[in-house]
Amino acid sequence: MALTQHIDSSKYRKVFVVGDLHGCLTQLNLALESQAFSAREDLLISVGDLIDRGEDSIGCLELIEKPWFACVRGNHEQMAIDALQGRNVDRWLRNGGDWFFKLPPALEARARELIIQAANLPHMIEITTDDGQFTVVAHADYPLNTYISGQPVDDYAVIWNRERITESAAGNLSTIAGAQRFYFGHTPVEEIKKYANQYYIDTGAVFGGHLTLLQIQ
């Protein structure tokens, strides 16, 4: 079942949400610099998929150790977690996990340590921003029609589903009750897509697109 983390927004001056990084640490640092991000006062929430395909998967994984960073688990983190446990290694390799197997021993040990830490990442983050907007961040989808904090939800659906965005793109929009805003990644889009109260913010940074960084507080 999916795990949820609640964040108290009153501890932060600004709160940002960022799309799928996939190793694009340089792009993230430039984006944060452009927003005068403060590691002492601000918070960055990631929709997951920190790793694979880009140039610095380890650097992006190391963000989970930063006090100013929060992250939900993406399907790429899950593939890495599974592979280290001997499950579905080929699936990870097919989806950009080859970088791990090319590392020298010291870096492989560091990557392994970080992936083990990633197994503690929640599947969803909920936060009420200072404008009163109850906001939920998840990697791919919230698979039910009403969000209730703590209710059992299929973790596989949260990190893998594309049914809702496919339906929305076809014109069959559906609001998810129980929260004002949902932020998702997972499915690359050229520009941010807003369907009902759902925002899809994976704008394909690793595929030659751009990295989306949004201030939500």
C-alpha atoms as a PDB file:
ATOM      1  CA  MET A   1       0.000   0.000   0.000  1.00  0.00           C
ATOM      2  CA  ALA A   2       1.088   3.555  -0.688  1.00  0.00           C
ATOM      3  CA  LEU A   3       2.874   5.545   2.011  1.00  0.00           C
ATOM      4  CA  THR A   4       2.076   9.222   2.646  1.00  0.00           C
ATOM      5  CA  GLN A   5       4.192  12.010   4.127  1.00  0.00           C
ATOM      6  CA  HIS A   6       2.608  15.164   5.539  1.00  0.00           C
ATOM      7  CA  ILE A   7       4.635  18.384   5.362  1.00  0.00           C
ATOM      8  CA  ASP A   8       4.019  21.477   7.514  1.00  0.00           C
ATOM      9  CA  SER A   9       4.306  24.418   5.120  1.00  0.00           C
ATOM     10  CA  SER A  10       4.612  26.946   7.963  1.00  0.00           C
ATOM     11  CA  LYS A  11       8.253  25.882   8.382  1.00  0.00           C
ATOM     12  CA  TYR A  12       9.172  27.286   4.977  1.00  0.00           C
ATOM     13  CA  ARG A  13       9.272  30.681   3.266  1.00  0.00           C
ATOM     14  CA  LYS A  14       8.785  29.316  -0.243  1.00  0.00           C
ATOM     15  CA  VAL A  15       7.783  25.860  -1.477  1.00  0.00           C
ATOM     16  CA  PHE A  16       8.542  24.645  -4.991  1.00  0.00           C
ATOM     17  CA  VAL A  17       7.600  21.503  -6.897  1.00  0.00           C
ATOM     18  CA  VAL A  18       9.823  20.111  -9.654  1.00  0.00           C
ATOM     19  CA  GLY A  19       9.238  17.652 -12.485  1.00  0.00           C
ATOM     20  CA  ASP A  20      11.120  14.432 -13.261  1.00  0.00           C
ATOM     21  CA  LEU A  21      14.884  15.032 -12.948  1.00  0.00           C
ATOM     22  CA  HIS A  22      16.327  11.831 -14.449  1.00  0.00           C
ATOM     23  CA  GLY A  23      19.853  12.850 -13.539  1.00  0.00           C
ATOM     24  CA  CYS A  24      19.562  16.447 -14.809  1.00  0.00           C
ATOM     25  CA  LEU A  25      21.217  18.020 -11.767  1.00  0.00           C
ATOM     26  CA  THR A  26      22.778  20.915 -13.684  1.00  0.00           C
ATOM     27  CA  GLN A  27      19.378  21.980 -15.012  1.00  0.00           C
ATOM     28  CA  LEU A  28      17.941  21.804 -11.500  1.00  0.00           C
ATOM     29  CA  ASN A  29      20.705  23.929 -10.004  1.00  0.00           C
ATOM     30  CA  LEU A  30      20.244  26.562 -12.697  1.00  0.00           C
ATOM     31  CA  ALA A  31      16.483  26.602 -12.125  1.00  0.00           C
ATOM     32  CA  LEU A  32      16.893  26.957  -8.363  1.00  0.00           C
ATOM     33  CA  GLU A  33      19.427  29.749  -8.817  1.00  0.00           C
ATOM     34  CA  SER A  34      17.018  31.607 -11.105  1.00  0.00           C
ATOM     35  CA  GLN A  35      14.416  31.523  -8.323  1.00  0.00           C
ATOM     36  CA  ALA A  36      16.868  32.635  -5.612  1.00  0.00           C
ATOM     37  CA  PHE A  37      16.139  29.381  -3.779  1.00  0.00           C
ATOM     38  CA  SER A  38      17.316  29.414  -0.153  1.00  0.00           C
ATOM     39  CA  ALA A  39      18.461  26.098   1.309  1.00  0.00           C
ATOM     40  CA  ARG A  40      17.886  27.569   4.777  1.00  0.00           C
ATOM     41  CA  GLU A  41      14.357  28.867   4.271  1.00  0.00           C
ATOM     42  CA  ASP A  42      12.748  27.080   1.321  1.00  0.00           C
ATOM     43  CA  LEU A  43      11.578  23.581   0.367  1.00  0.00           C
ATOM     44  CA  LEU A  44      11.739  21.704  -2.929  1.00  0.00           C
ATOM     45  CA  ILE A  45       9.314  18.815  -3.515  1.00  0.00           C
ATOM     46  CA  SER A  46      10.061  16.381  -6.339  1.00  0.00           C
ATOM     47  CA  VAL A  47       7.521  14.246  -8.213  1.00  0.00           C
ATOM     48  CA  GLY A  48      10.115  11.450  -8.334  1.00  0.00           C
ATOM     49  CA  ASP A  49      12.222   9.783 -11.034  1.00  0.00           C
ATOM     50  CA  LEU A  50      15.460  11.299  -9.805  1.00  0.00           C
ATOM     51  CA  ILE A  51      17.541   8.745 -11.676  1.00  0.00           C
ATOM     52  CA  ASP A  52      18.279   7.080 -15.047  1.00  0.00           C
ATOM     53  CA  ARG A  53      18.951   8.391 -18.553  1.00  0.00           C
ATOM     54  CA  GLY A  54      20.612  11.664 -17.495  1.00  0.00           C
ATOM     55  CA  GLU A  55      24.219  12.511 -16.666  1.00  0.00           C
ATOM     56  CA  ASP A  56      24.171  12.557 -12.851  1.00  0.00           C
ATOM     57  CA  SER A  57      21.896   9.986 -11.263  1.00  0.00           C
ATOM     58  CA  ILE A  58      24.019   9.789  -8.111  1.00  0.00           C
ATOM     59  CA  GLY A  59      23.992  13.571  -7.694  1.00  0.00           C
ATOM     60  CA  CYS A  60      20.228  13.642  -7.977  1.00  0.00           C
ATOM     61  CA  LEU A  61      19.850  10.709  -5.576  1.00  0.00           C
ATOM     62  CA  GLU A  62      21.990  12.571  -3.049  1.00  0.00           C
ATOM     63  CA  LEU A  63      19.285  15.222  -2.879  1.00  0.00           C
ATOM     64  CA  ILE A  64      17.237  12.895  -0.675  1.00  0.00           C
ATOM     65  CA  GLU A  65      19.783  13.531   2.082  1.00  0.00           C
ATOM     66  CA  LYS A  66      19.253  17.313   1.948  1.00  0.00           C
ATOM     67  CA  PRO A  67      17.010  18.910   4.616  1.00  0.00           C
ATOM     68  CA  TRP A  68      15.510  21.286   2.030  1.00  0.00           C
ATOM     69  CA  PHE A  69      14.395  18.485  -0.288  1.00  0.00           C
ATOM     70  CA  ALA A  70      11.390  16.153  -0.206  1.00  0.00           C
ATOM     71  CA  CYS A  71      10.544  13.543  -2.806  1.00  0.00           C
ATOM     72  CA  VAL A  72       7.934  10.956  -3.665  1.00  0.00           C
ATOM     73  CA  ARG A  73       8.971   7.607  -5.064  1.00  0.00           C
ATOM     74  CA  GLY A  74       8.967   7.324  -8.835  1.00  0.00           C
ATOM     75  CA  ASN A  75       8.822   4.179 -10.909  1.00  0.00           C
ATOM     76  CA  HIS A  76      12.530   4.541 -11.685  1.00  0.00           C
ATOM     77  CA  GLU A  77      13.406   4.542  -7.989  1.00  0.00           C
ATOM     78  CA  GLN A  78      11.171   1.492  -7.600  1.00  0.00           C
ATOM     79  CA  MET A  79      12.892  -0.290 -10.486  1.00  0.00           C
ATOM     80  CA  ALA A  80      16.261   0.377  -8.850  1.00  0.00           C
ATOM     81  CA  ILE A  81      15.033  -0.823  -5.452  1.00  0.00           C
ATOM     82  CA  ASP A  82      13.664  -3.987  -7.040  1.00  0.00           C
ATOM     83  CA  ALA A  83      16.835  -4.624  -9.049  1.00  0.00           C
ATOM     84  CA  LEU A  84      19.042  -4.394  -5.972  1.00  0.00           C
ATOM     85  CA  GLN A  85      16.838  -7.070  -4.447  1.00  0.00           C
ATOM     86  CA  GLY A  86      17.321  -9.250  -7.525  1.00  0.00           C
ATOM     87  CA  ARG A  87      13.897  -8.591  -9.052  1.00  0.00           C
ATOM     88  CA  ASN A  88      13.254  -7.418 -12.632  1.00  0.00           C
ATOM     89  CA  VAL A  89      16.845  -6.358 -13.288  1.00  0.00           C
ATOM     90  CA  ASP A  90      16.255  -6.463 -17.041  1.00  0.00           C
ATOM     91  CA  ARG A  91      13.354  -4.041 -16.741  1.00  0.00           C
ATOM     92  CA  TRP A  92      15.600  -1.478 -15.058  1.00  0.00           C
ATOM     93  CA  LEU A  93      18.289  -1.989 -17.680  1.00  0.00           C
ATOM     94  CA  ARG A  94      15.755  -1.432 -20.467  1.00  0.00           C
ATOM     95  CA  ASN A  95      14.677   1.836 -18.837  1.00  0.00           C
ATOM     96  CA  GLY A  96      18.013   3.534 -18.250  1.00  0.00           C
ATOM     97  CA  GLY A  97      19.461   1.664 -15.280  1.00  0.00           C
ATOM     98  CA  ASP A  98      22.659   0.696 -17.103  1.00  0.00           C
ATOM     99  CA  TRP A  99      24.567   3.596 -15.482  1.00  0.00           C
ATOM    100  CA  PHE A 100      24.604   1.723 -12.168  1.00  0.00           C
ATOM    101  CA  PHE A 101      26.330  -1.335 -13.607  1.00  0.00           C
ATOM    102  CA  LYS A 102      29.063   0.806 -15.173  1.00  0.00           C
ATOM    103  CA  LEU A 103      30.126   2.451 -11.908  1.00  0.00           C
ATOM    104  CA  PRO A 104      33.521   1.848 -10.312  1.00  0.00           C
ATOM    105  CA  PRO A 105      33.289   0.013  -6.971  1.00  0.00           C
ATOM    106  CA  ALA A 106      33.342   3.073  -4.682  1.00  0.00           C
ATOM    107  CA  LEU A 107      30.614   4.870  -6.610  1.00  0.00           C
ATOM    108  CA  GLU A 108      28.568   1.690  -6.915  1.00  0.00           C
ATOM    109  CA  ALA A 109      28.663   1.335  -3.141  1.00  0.00           C
ATOM    110  CA  ARG A 110      27.497   4.943  -2.761  1.00  0.00           C
ATOM    111  CA  ALA A 111      24.704   4.465  -5.301  1.00  0.00           C
ATOM    112  CA  ARG A 112      23.619   1.275  -3.593  1.00  0.00           C
ATOM    113  CA  GLU A 113      23.474   3.095  -0.240  1.00  0.00           C
ATOM    114  CA  LEU A 114      21.322   5.848  -1.735  1.00  0.00           C
ATOM    115  CA  ILE A 115      18.943   3.431  -3.469  1.00  0.00           C
ATOM    116  CA  ILE A 116      18.442   1.664  -0.143  1.00  0.00           C
ATOM    117  CA  GLN A 117      17.544   5.057   1.342  1.00  0.00           C
ATOM    118  CA  ALA A 118      15.137   5.638  -1.548  1.00  0.00           C
ATOM    119  CA  ALA A 119      13.153   2.630  -0.357  1.00  0.00           C
ATOM    120  CA  ASN A 120      11.979   4.886   2.495  1.00  0.00           C
ATOM    121  CA  LEU A 121      10.546   7.532   0.152  1.00  0.00           C
ATOM    122  CA  PRO A 122       6.774   8.027   0.418  1.00  0.00           C
ATOM    123  CA  HIS A 123       4.482   7.465  -2.542  1.00  0.00           C
ATOM    124  CA  MET A 124       2.568  10.679  -1.831  1.00  0.00           C
ATOM    125  CA  ILE A 125       3.272  13.993  -0.126  1.00  0.00           C
ATOM    126  CA  GLU A 126       0.481  16.199   1.175  1.00  0.00           C
ATOM    127  CA  ILE A 127       0.898  19.835   2.148  1.00  0.00           C
ATOM    128  CA  THR A 128      -1.445  22.738   2.816  1.00  0.00           C
ATOM    129  CA  THR A 129       0.218  25.861   1.447  1.00  0.00           C
ATOM    130  CA  ASP A 130      -0.138  29.294   3.007  1.00  0.00           C
ATOM    131  CA  ASP A 131      -2.984  30.202   0.630  1.00  0.00           C
ATOM    132  CA  GLY A 132      -5.049  27.327   2.034  1.00  0.00           C
ATOM    133  CA  GLN A 133      -4.578  25.017  -0.948  1.00  0.00           C
ATOM    134  CA  PHE A 134      -4.481  21.376   0.178  1.00  0.00           C
ATOM    135  CA  THR A 135      -2.007  19.898  -2.282  1.00  0.00           C
ATOM    136  CA  VAL A 136      -0.997  16.321  -3.058  1.00  0.00           C
ATOM    137  CA  VAL A 137       2.176  15.330  -4.924  1.00  0.00           C
ATOM    138  CA  ALA A 138       2.554  11.837  -6.398  1.00  0.00           C
ATOM    139  CA  HIS A 139       4.591  10.412  -9.236  1.00  0.00           C
ATOM    140  CA  ALA A 140       2.045   9.180 -11.783  1.00  0.00           C
ATOM    141  CA  ASP A 141      -1.532   9.240 -10.495  1.00  0.00           C
ATOM    142  CA  TYR A 142      -3.904   9.128  -7.586  1.00  0.00           C
ATOM    143  CA  PRO A 143      -6.054   6.196  -8.682  1.00  0.00           C
ATOM    144  CA  LEU A 144      -9.215   6.935  -6.677  1.00  0.00           C
ATOM    145  CA  ASN A 145     -11.851   9.611  -7.274  1.00  0.00           C
ATOM    146  CA  THR A 146     -11.628  11.104  -3.780  1.00  0.00           C
ATOM    147  CA  TYR A 147      -8.463  11.793  -1.802  1.00  0.00           C
ATOM    148  CA  ILE A 148      -8.666  10.896   1.876  1.00  0.00           C
ATOM    149  CA  SER A 149      -5.480  11.197   3.882  1.00  0.00           C
ATOM    150  CA  GLY A 150      -4.288   7.805   5.019  1.00  0.00           C
ATOM    151  CA  GLN A 151      -6.755   5.700   3.086  1.00  0.00           C
ATOM    152  CA  PRO A 152      -5.320   2.528   1.511  1.00  0.00           C
ATOM    153  CA  VAL A 153      -4.170   3.092  -2.073  1.00  0.00           C
ATOM    154  CA  ASP A 154      -2.404   0.752  -4.500  1.00  0.00           C
ATOM    155  CA  ASP A 155       1.222   1.875  -4.560  1.00  0.00           C
ATOM    156  CA  TYR A 156       1.807   0.357  -8.018  1.00  0.00           C
ATOM    157  CA  ALA A 157      -0.958   2.528  -9.471  1.00  0.00           C
ATOM    158  CA  VAL A 158       0.449   5.656  -7.819  1.00  0.00           C
ATOM    159  CA  ILE A 159       3.852   5.245  -9.470  1.00  0.00           C
ATOM    160  CA  TRP A 160       2.918   3.639 -12.818  1.00  0.00           C
ATOM    161  CA  ASN A 161      -0.619   4.573 -13.942  1.00  0.00           C
ATOM    162  CA  ARG A 162      -1.217   6.557 -17.108  1.00  0.00           C
ATOM    163  CA  GLU A 163      -4.937   5.895 -17.455  1.00  0.00           C
ATOM    164  CA  ARG A 164      -6.102   9.220 -16.002  1.00  0.00           C
ATOM    165  CA  ILE A 165      -3.856  11.433 -18.133  1.00  0.00           C
ATOM    166  CA  THR A 166      -4.748   9.400 -21.229  1.00  0.00           C
ATOM    167  CA  GLU A 167      -8.444   9.866 -20.532  1.00  0.00           C
ATOM    168  CA  SER A 168      -7.949  13.563 -19.775  1.00  0.00           C
ATOM    169  CA  ALA A 169      -6.018  14.138 -22.996  1.00  0.00           C
ATOM    170  CA  ALA A 170      -8.932  12.543 -24.842  1.00  0.00           C
ATOM    171  CA  GLY A 171     -11.296  15.076 -23.270  1.00  0.00           C
ATOM    172  CA  ASN A 172     -12.648  12.942 -20.433  1.00  0.00           C
ATOM    173  CA  LEU A 173     -11.565  15.105 -17.509  1.00  0.00           C
ATOM    174  CA  SER A 174     -12.384  14.162 -13.939  1.00  0.00           C
ATOM    175  CA  THR A 175     -11.752  16.173 -10.781  1.00  0.00           C
ATOM    176  CA  ILE A 176     -10.235  14.308  -7.849  1.00  0.00           C
ATOM    177  CA  ALA A 177     -12.192  15.384  -4.794  1.00  0.00           C
ATOM    178  CA  GLY A 178     -10.575  15.911  -1.411  1.00  0.00           C
ATOM    179  CA  ALA A 179      -7.722  18.223  -2.410  1.00  0.00           C
ATOM    180  CA  GLN A 180      -7.437  21.435  -4.396  1.00  0.00           C
ATOM    181  CA  ARG A 181      -4.323  20.506  -6.388  1.00  0.00           C
ATOM    182  CA  PHE A 182      -2.480  17.390  -7.503  1.00  0.00           C
ATOM    183  CA  TYR A 183       0.991  17.453  -9.071  1.00  0.00           C
ATOM    184  CA  PHE A 184       2.179  14.487 -11.109  1.00  0.00           C
ATOM    185  CA  GLY A 185       5.169  13.615 -13.295  1.00  0.00           C
ATOM    186  CA  HIS A 186       5.858  10.292 -15.080  1.00  0.00           C
ATOM    187  CA  THR A 187       4.286  11.063 -18.464  1.00  0.00           C
ATOM    188  CA  PRO A 188       6.407  13.490 -20.525  1.00  0.00           C
ATOM    189  CA  VAL A 189       4.535  16.500 -21.895  1.00  0.00           C
ATOM    190  CA  GLU A 190       5.862  19.394 -23.972  1.00  0.00           C
ATOM    191  CA  GLU A 191       4.364  21.978 -21.635  1.00  0.00           C
ATOM    192  CA  ILE A 192       2.615  21.737 -18.261  1.00  0.00           C
ATOM    193  CA  LYS A 193      -0.793  20.131 -18.678  1.00  0.00           C
ATOM    194  CA  LYS A 194      -3.655  21.075 -16.363  1.00  0.00           C
ATOM    195  CA  TYR A 195      -6.636  18.750 -16.421  1.00  0.00           C
ATOM    196  CA  ALA A 196      -9.325  19.612 -13.862  1.00  0.00           C
ATOM    197  CA  ASN A 197      -7.314  19.948 -10.608  1.00  0.00           C
ATOM    198  CA  GLN A 198      -4.353  17.891 -11.824  1.00  0.00           C
ATOM    199  CA  TYR A 199      -1.046  19.316 -13.054  1.00  0.00           C
ATOM    200  CA  TYR A 200       1.359  17.175 -15.092  1.00  0.00           C
ATOM    201  CA  ILE A 201       4.830  18.689 -14.868  1.00  0.00           C
ATOM    202  CA  ASP A 202       7.288  16.215 -16.439  1.00  0.00           C
ATOM    203  CA  THR A 203       8.306  18.415 -19.350  1.00  0.00           C
ATOM    204  CA  GLY A 204      10.982  16.033 -20.604  1.00  0.00           C
ATOM    205  CA  ALA A 205      14.180  17.619 -19.286  1.00  0.00           C
ATOM    206  CA  VAL A 206      16.220  14.518 -20.081  1.00  0.00           C
ATOM    207  CA  PHE A 207      14.666  14.182 -23.544  1.00  0.00           C
ATOM    208  CA  GLY A 208      15.705  17.626 -24.757  1.00  0.00           C
ATOM    209  CA  GLY A 209      12.735  19.419 -23.229  1.00  0.00           C
ATOM    210  CA  HIS A 210      12.979  21.636 -20.182  1.00  0.00           C
ATOM    211  CA  LEU A 211      12.768  21.227 -16.436  1.00  0.00           C
ATOM    212  CA  THR A 212       9.625  22.569 -14.803  1.00  0.00           C
ATOM    213  CA  LEU A 213      10.014  24.253 -11.411  1.00  0.00           C
ATOM    214  CA  LEU A 214       6.862  25.771  -9.944  1.00  0.00           C
ATOM    215  CA  GLN A 215       6.485  27.859  -6.819  1.00  0.00           C
ATOM    216  CA  ILE A 216       3.369  26.739  -4.905  1.00  0.00           C
ATOM    217  CA  GLN A 217       4.009  28.866  -1.801  1.00  0.00           C
END
